[in-house]
Amino acid sequence: MRIFLFMACLLAAAPVAAKDYYGAIAYSFGNGAWGNSWNYSSKSAAQGRALAECKAKGGKRCEIGVWAHNSCGAFAVMVGANRMANTGWSAGYNTHADAKARALKECKKRSHGQACKVVASTCNFGK
């Protein structure tokens, strides 16, 4: 009986594998259309959903701006930007607010202080 209880305790204490959650943000420089996804089980599925949503909103050249794994991420663009070099992104944050702040900071840095705006953010914790 003691062996059984000991084994039951070991099994109960065994760590449960964490589930992976992915999200992505896609953006079209042609018209500013965007799409995002969250809590997908694979990176490719999350990116596919974000691209499809961007295209459904009229995006002509939708590109993945950022993807995040078990975290929050955000994507920001310089006002009037027409290329990826004038953007900022973040991933690996615990909140939308932190992810947005970092993406905005990166965009302003890469755009030499020009005005930037956050397009979207995504959090991927399975909630």
N, C-alpha and C. Protein backbone atom coordinates (compact mmCIF):
# COMPACT_ATOMS: atom_id res chain seq x y z
N MET A 1 0.82 -1.19 0.00
CA MET A 1 0.00 0.00 0.00
C MET A 1 0.87 1.26 0.00
N ARG A 2 1.95 1.24 0.79
CA ARG A 2 2.83 2.42 0.85
C ARG A 2 3.47 2.68 -0.51
N ILE A 3 3.85 1.63 -1.20
CA ILE A 3 4.47 1.81 -2.52
C ILE A 3 3.46 2.45 -3.48
N PHE A 4 2.23 1.99 -3.42
CA PHE A 4 1.19 2.55 -4.27
C PHE A 4 1.01 4.04 -3.98
N LEU A 5 0.93 4.43 -2.72
CA LEU A 5 0.76 5.84 -2.35
C LEU A 5 1.97 6.66 -2.78
N PHE A 6 3.17 6.10 -2.62
CA PHE A 6 4.39 6.79 -3.03
C PHE A 6 4.37 7.04 -4.54
N MET A 7 4.01 6.04 -5.31
CA MET A 7 3.94 6.18 -6.77
C MET A 7 2.85 7.19 -7.16
N ALA A 8 1.72 7.16 -6.50
CA ALA A 8 0.64 8.10 -6.79
C ALA A 8 1.09 9.53 -6.54
N CYS A 9 1.85 9.73 -5.46
CA CYS A 9 2.36 11.07 -5.16
C CYS A 9 3.36 11.53 -6.21
N LEU A 10 4.22 10.63 -6.66
CA LEU A 10 5.18 10.98 -7.70
C LEU A 10 4.48 11.37 -8.99
N LEU A 11 3.48 10.62 -9.37
CA LEU A 11 2.74 10.92 -10.59
C LEU A 11 1.99 12.24 -10.47
N ALA A 12 1.43 12.50 -9.31
CA ALA A 12 0.70 13.75 -9.11
C ALA A 12 1.64 14.95 -9.15
N ALA A 13 2.88 14.76 -8.74
CA ALA A 13 3.84 15.86 -8.71
C ALA A 13 4.57 16.05 -10.04
N ALA A 14 4.40 15.13 -10.97
CA ALA A 14 5.09 15.23 -12.26
C ALA A 14 4.64 16.48 -12.99
N PRO A 15 5.58 17.22 -13.56
CA PRO A 15 5.21 18.45 -14.25
C PRO A 15 4.39 18.15 -15.50
N VAL A 16 3.43 19.00 -15.75
CA VAL A 16 2.59 18.87 -16.94
C VAL A 16 3.24 19.72 -18.03
N ALA A 17 3.36 19.16 -19.19
CA ALA A 17 3.98 19.88 -20.30
C ALA A 17 3.14 21.11 -20.63
N ALA A 18 3.79 22.25 -20.74
CA ALA A 18 3.10 23.48 -21.09
C ALA A 18 2.67 23.43 -22.55
N LYS A 19 1.51 23.96 -22.82
CA LYS A 19 1.01 24.00 -24.18
C LYS A 19 1.58 25.23 -24.88
N ASP A 20 1.83 25.12 -26.15
CA ASP A 20 2.36 26.23 -26.92
C ASP A 20 1.22 27.00 -27.58
N TYR A 21 1.32 28.32 -27.51
CA TYR A 21 0.35 29.21 -28.13
C TYR A 21 1.10 30.24 -28.97
N TYR A 22 0.60 30.45 -30.19
CA TYR A 22 1.24 31.37 -31.13
C TYR A 22 0.23 32.39 -31.63
N GLY A 23 0.75 33.57 -31.93
CA GLY A 23 -0.06 34.62 -32.54
C GLY A 23 0.81 35.37 -33.53
N ALA A 24 0.17 36.11 -34.42
CA ALA A 24 0.91 36.86 -35.44
C ALA A 24 0.13 38.10 -35.84
N ILE A 25 0.86 39.06 -36.42
CA ILE A 25 0.25 40.27 -36.97
C ILE A 25 0.79 40.45 -38.38
N ALA A 26 -0.12 40.64 -39.33
CA ALA A 26 0.24 40.88 -40.72
C ALA A 26 -0.18 42.30 -41.09
N TYR A 27 0.57 42.92 -42.00
CA TYR A 27 0.30 44.31 -42.38
C TYR A 27 0.52 44.50 -43.88
N SER A 28 -0.30 45.36 -44.48
CA SER A 28 -0.17 45.69 -45.90
C SER A 28 0.21 47.17 -46.03
N PHE A 29 1.39 47.44 -46.56
CA PHE A 29 1.84 48.81 -46.72
C PHE A 29 1.06 49.55 -47.80
N GLY A 30 0.43 48.82 -48.70
CA GLY A 30 -0.33 49.46 -49.77
C GLY A 30 -1.50 50.28 -49.27
N ASN A 31 -2.23 49.76 -48.30
CA ASN A 31 -3.42 50.46 -47.83
C ASN A 31 -3.60 50.44 -46.32
N GLY A 32 -2.65 49.90 -45.60
CA GLY A 32 -2.74 49.90 -44.14
C GLY A 32 -3.63 48.82 -43.55
N ALA A 33 -4.08 47.89 -44.38
CA ALA A 33 -4.90 46.78 -43.86
C ALA A 33 -4.01 45.90 -42.97
N TRP A 34 -4.62 45.28 -41.97
CA TRP A 34 -3.86 44.41 -41.09
C TRP A 34 -4.74 43.27 -40.61
N GLY A 35 -4.10 42.25 -40.11
CA GLY A 35 -4.81 41.12 -39.53
C GLY A 35 -3.98 40.56 -38.40
N ASN A 36 -4.64 39.97 -37.43
CA ASN A 36 -3.89 39.35 -36.35
C ASN A 36 -4.54 38.05 -35.91
N SER A 37 -3.80 37.30 -35.13
CA SER A 37 -4.28 36.02 -34.63
C SER A 37 -3.70 35.81 -33.24
N TRP A 38 -4.30 34.93 -32.48
CA TRP A 38 -3.81 34.63 -31.14
C TRP A 38 -4.24 33.23 -30.73
N ASN A 39 -3.43 32.63 -29.89
CA ASN A 39 -3.69 31.31 -29.29
C ASN A 39 -3.83 30.17 -30.29
N TYR A 40 -3.04 30.20 -31.35
CA TYR A 40 -3.00 29.08 -32.29
C TYR A 40 -1.96 28.07 -31.83
N SER A 41 -2.12 26.82 -32.23
CA SER A 41 -1.23 25.75 -31.77
C SER A 41 0.07 25.66 -32.56
N SER A 42 0.20 26.43 -33.65
CA SER A 42 1.45 26.43 -34.40
C SER A 42 1.72 27.82 -34.97
N LYS A 43 2.98 28.09 -35.20
CA LYS A 43 3.40 29.38 -35.78
C LYS A 43 2.79 29.53 -37.17
N SER A 44 2.85 28.49 -37.98
CA SER A 44 2.34 28.59 -39.35
C SER A 44 0.83 28.84 -39.38
N ALA A 45 0.09 28.22 -38.48
CA ALA A 45 -1.36 28.45 -38.43
C ALA A 45 -1.67 29.88 -38.01
N ALA A 46 -0.91 30.40 -37.05
CA ALA A 46 -1.11 31.78 -36.59
C ALA A 46 -0.79 32.76 -37.71
N GLN A 47 0.30 32.53 -38.42
CA GLN A 47 0.67 33.42 -39.51
C GLN A 47 -0.34 33.34 -40.65
N GLY A 48 -0.81 32.14 -40.96
CA GLY A 48 -1.80 31.97 -42.01
C GLY A 48 -3.08 32.73 -41.70
N ARG A 49 -3.53 32.66 -40.45
CA ARG A 49 -4.75 33.38 -40.06
C ARG A 49 -4.56 34.89 -40.16
N ALA A 50 -3.42 35.39 -39.69
CA ALA A 50 -3.16 36.83 -39.75
C ALA A 50 -3.11 37.31 -41.20
N LEU A 51 -2.46 36.56 -42.07
CA LEU A 51 -2.39 36.93 -43.49
C LEU A 51 -3.77 36.90 -44.13
N ALA A 52 -4.56 35.88 -43.83
CA ALA A 52 -5.91 35.77 -44.40
C ALA A 52 -6.78 36.93 -43.94
N GLU A 53 -6.67 37.31 -42.68
CA GLU A 53 -7.47 38.42 -42.17
C GLU A 53 -7.04 39.74 -42.83
N CYS A 54 -5.74 39.92 -43.00
CA CYS A 54 -5.23 41.12 -43.67
C CYS A 54 -5.76 41.20 -45.11
N LYS A 55 -5.70 40.10 -45.82
CA LYS A 55 -6.18 40.07 -47.21
C LYS A 55 -7.69 40.29 -47.27
N ALA A 56 -8.43 39.75 -46.29
CA ALA A 56 -9.88 39.92 -46.26
C ALA A 56 -10.27 41.38 -46.03
N LYS A 57 -9.38 42.14 -45.41
CA LYS A 57 -9.62 43.57 -45.19
C LYS A 57 -9.13 44.42 -46.36
N GLY A 58 -8.74 43.78 -47.46
CA GLY A 58 -8.33 44.50 -48.65
C GLY A 58 -6.83 44.66 -48.83
N GLY A 59 -6.04 44.01 -47.99
CA GLY A 59 -4.59 44.11 -48.11
C GLY A 59 -4.10 43.49 -49.40
N LYS A 60 -3.25 44.21 -50.10
CA LYS A 60 -2.72 43.72 -51.38
C LYS A 60 -1.38 43.01 -51.22
N ARG A 61 -0.52 43.54 -50.36
CA ARG A 61 0.80 42.95 -50.13
C ARG A 61 0.97 42.69 -48.63
N CYS A 62 0.20 41.83 -48.09
CA CYS A 62 0.26 41.56 -46.66
C CYS A 62 1.54 40.81 -46.31
N GLU A 63 2.21 41.27 -45.26
CA GLU A 63 3.44 40.65 -44.79
C GLU A 63 3.32 40.42 -43.29
N ILE A 64 3.97 39.38 -42.80
CA ILE A 64 4.01 39.16 -41.36
C ILE A 64 4.96 40.18 -40.75
N GLY A 65 4.44 40.96 -39.81
CA GLY A 65 5.26 41.95 -39.12
C GLY A 65 5.89 41.39 -37.86
N VAL A 66 5.17 40.50 -37.19
CA VAL A 66 5.67 39.90 -35.96
C VAL A 66 4.86 38.65 -35.64
N TRP A 67 5.50 37.73 -34.94
CA TRP A 67 4.80 36.59 -34.38
C TRP A 67 5.30 36.42 -32.95
N ALA A 68 4.45 35.85 -32.11
CA ALA A 68 4.79 35.70 -30.69
C ALA A 68 4.44 34.28 -30.23
N HIS A 69 5.24 33.76 -29.35
CA HIS A 69 5.08 32.41 -28.81
C HIS A 69 4.94 32.49 -27.29
N ASN A 70 3.81 32.05 -26.76
CA ASN A 70 3.54 32.07 -25.31
C ASN A 70 3.87 33.42 -24.69
N SER A 71 3.51 34.49 -25.39
CA SER A 71 3.79 35.84 -24.91
C SER A 71 2.94 36.84 -25.70
N CYS A 72 3.13 38.12 -25.37
CA CYS A 72 2.47 39.18 -26.11
C CYS A 72 3.46 39.81 -27.09
N GLY A 73 2.95 40.25 -28.20
CA GLY A 73 3.76 40.95 -29.19
C GLY A 73 2.93 42.07 -29.79
N ALA A 74 3.60 43.02 -30.44
CA ALA A 74 2.90 44.14 -31.07
C ALA A 74 3.67 44.58 -32.31
N PHE A 75 2.98 45.31 -33.17
CA PHE A 75 3.57 45.81 -34.41
C PHE A 75 3.18 47.27 -34.57
N ALA A 76 4.17 48.13 -34.81
CA ALA A 76 3.94 49.56 -35.01
C ALA A 76 4.56 49.99 -36.34
N VAL A 77 3.96 50.99 -36.96
CA VAL A 77 4.48 51.52 -38.23
C VAL A 77 4.60 53.04 -38.15
N MET A 78 5.56 53.56 -38.89
CA MET A 78 5.70 55.00 -39.03
C MET A 78 4.52 55.50 -39.86
N VAL A 79 3.96 56.62 -39.47
CA VAL A 79 2.85 57.19 -40.22
C VAL A 79 3.34 57.46 -41.65
N GLY A 80 2.64 56.91 -42.63
CA GLY A 80 3.02 57.06 -44.03
C GLY A 80 4.10 56.08 -44.50
N ALA A 81 4.44 55.11 -43.68
CA ALA A 81 5.50 54.15 -44.05
C ALA A 81 5.08 53.32 -45.26
N ASN A 82 6.08 52.97 -46.08
CA ASN A 82 5.80 52.12 -47.22
C ASN A 82 6.77 50.94 -47.30
N ARG A 83 7.49 50.70 -46.19
CA ARG A 83 8.42 49.57 -46.18
C ARG A 83 8.66 49.10 -44.75
N MET A 84 9.09 47.89 -44.63
CA MET A 84 9.28 47.25 -43.33
C MET A 84 10.35 47.94 -42.49
N ALA A 85 11.28 48.65 -43.14
CA ALA A 85 12.35 49.31 -42.40
C ALA A 85 11.81 50.40 -41.47
N ASN A 86 10.62 50.91 -41.74
CA ASN A 86 10.02 51.95 -40.91
C ASN A 86 8.95 51.39 -39.99
N THR A 87 9.32 50.33 -39.31
CA THR A 87 8.39 49.67 -38.39
C THR A 87 9.11 49.33 -37.09
N GLY A 88 8.34 48.92 -36.12
CA GLY A 88 8.89 48.40 -34.88
C GLY A 88 8.03 47.24 -34.43
N TRP A 89 8.63 46.28 -33.80
CA TRP A 89 7.87 45.13 -33.35
C TRP A 89 8.41 44.67 -32.01
N SER A 90 7.62 43.87 -31.32
CA SER A 90 8.05 43.31 -30.05
C SER A 90 7.42 41.94 -29.88
N ALA A 91 8.06 41.11 -29.10
CA ALA A 91 7.53 39.79 -28.73
C ALA A 91 8.19 39.40 -27.42
N GLY A 92 7.55 38.53 -26.67
CA GLY A 92 8.13 38.06 -25.42
C GLY A 92 7.68 38.84 -24.20
N TYR A 93 6.64 39.63 -24.32
CA TYR A 93 6.17 40.45 -23.20
C TYR A 93 4.95 39.81 -22.53
N ASN A 94 4.68 40.24 -21.29
CA ASN A 94 3.59 39.65 -20.51
C ASN A 94 2.25 40.36 -20.68
N THR A 95 2.25 41.58 -21.21
CA THR A 95 1.00 42.33 -21.38
C THR A 95 0.97 43.04 -22.73
N HIS A 96 -0.27 43.36 -23.16
CA HIS A 96 -0.44 44.15 -24.39
C HIS A 96 0.28 45.49 -24.23
N ALA A 97 0.12 46.14 -23.07
CA ALA A 97 0.70 47.46 -22.85
C ALA A 97 2.22 47.45 -23.00
N ASP A 98 2.88 46.46 -22.40
CA ASP A 98 4.34 46.38 -22.51
C ASP A 98 4.78 46.11 -23.94
N ALA A 99 4.07 45.22 -24.62
CA ALA A 99 4.41 44.90 -26.01
C ALA A 99 4.23 46.12 -26.91
N LYS A 100 3.13 46.85 -26.72
CA LYS A 100 2.88 48.04 -27.53
C LYS A 100 3.93 49.12 -27.29
N ALA A 101 4.28 49.33 -26.02
CA ALA A 101 5.28 50.36 -25.70
C ALA A 101 6.61 50.05 -26.36
N ARG A 102 7.03 48.79 -26.34
CA ARG A 102 8.31 48.41 -26.95
C ARG A 102 8.26 48.55 -28.47
N ALA A 103 7.16 48.12 -29.09
CA ALA A 103 7.04 48.24 -30.55
C ALA A 103 7.08 49.70 -30.98
N LEU A 104 6.41 50.56 -30.24
CA LEU A 104 6.40 51.98 -30.54
C LEU A 104 7.79 52.58 -30.39
N LYS A 105 8.49 52.21 -29.35
CA LYS A 105 9.85 52.70 -29.12
C LYS A 105 10.77 52.27 -30.27
N GLU A 106 10.68 51.02 -30.68
CA GLU A 106 11.51 50.50 -31.77
C GLU A 106 11.18 51.20 -33.09
N CYS A 107 9.90 51.44 -33.34
CA CYS A 107 9.49 52.12 -34.58
C CYS A 107 10.07 53.53 -34.63
N LYS A 108 9.95 54.25 -33.54
CA LYS A 108 10.48 55.62 -33.50
C LYS A 108 11.99 55.63 -33.68
N LYS A 109 12.66 54.66 -33.12
CA LYS A 109 14.12 54.55 -33.27
C LYS A 109 14.49 54.27 -34.72
N ARG A 110 13.82 53.31 -35.34
CA ARG A 110 14.13 52.93 -36.72
C ARG A 110 13.69 53.98 -37.73
N SER A 111 12.73 54.83 -37.33
CA SER A 111 12.22 55.87 -38.22
C SER A 111 12.80 57.24 -37.88
N HIS A 112 13.86 57.24 -37.09
CA HIS A 112 14.58 58.47 -36.74
C HIS A 112 13.67 59.53 -36.11
N GLY A 113 12.82 59.07 -35.16
CA GLY A 113 11.98 59.99 -34.39
C GLY A 113 10.67 60.39 -35.04
N GLN A 114 10.38 59.85 -36.21
CA GLN A 114 9.12 60.19 -36.88
C GLN A 114 7.94 59.60 -36.10
N ALA A 115 6.75 60.15 -36.34
CA ALA A 115 5.54 59.68 -35.67
C ALA A 115 5.24 58.24 -36.07
N CYS A 116 4.92 57.41 -35.09
CA CYS A 116 4.57 56.01 -35.31
C CYS A 116 3.25 55.70 -34.62
N LYS A 117 2.60 54.65 -35.07
CA LYS A 117 1.36 54.20 -34.42
C LYS A 117 1.40 52.68 -34.30
N VAL A 118 0.81 52.18 -33.23
CA VAL A 118 0.70 50.74 -33.04
C VAL A 118 -0.46 50.25 -33.89
N VAL A 119 -0.19 49.26 -34.72
CA VAL A 119 -1.23 48.69 -35.58
C VAL A 119 -2.07 47.69 -34.80
N ALA A 120 -1.41 46.78 -34.10
CA ALA A 120 -2.13 45.75 -33.36
C ALA A 120 -1.18 45.08 -32.37
N SER A 121 -1.79 44.36 -31.44
CA SER A 121 -1.01 43.54 -30.52
C SER A 121 -1.71 42.20 -30.36
N THR A 122 -0.96 41.22 -29.88
CA THR A 122 -1.49 39.88 -29.69
C THR A 122 -0.90 39.28 -28.43
N CYS A 123 -1.72 38.63 -27.63
CA CYS A 123 -1.23 37.90 -26.44
C CYS A 123 -1.64 36.45 -26.57
N ASN A 124 -0.72 35.56 -26.23
CA ASN A 124 -0.91 34.13 -26.50
C ASN A 124 -0.60 33.31 -25.27
N PHE A 125 -1.60 33.23 -24.40
CA PHE A 125 -1.47 32.46 -23.17
C PHE A 125 -2.58 31.42 -23.03
N GLY A 126 -3.37 31.25 -24.08
CA GLY A 126 -4.44 30.26 -24.05
C GLY A 126 -5.68 30.69 -23.31
N LYS A 127 -5.81 31.96 -23.06
CA LYS A 127 -7.00 32.47 -22.33
C LYS A 127 -7.99 33.06 -23.28
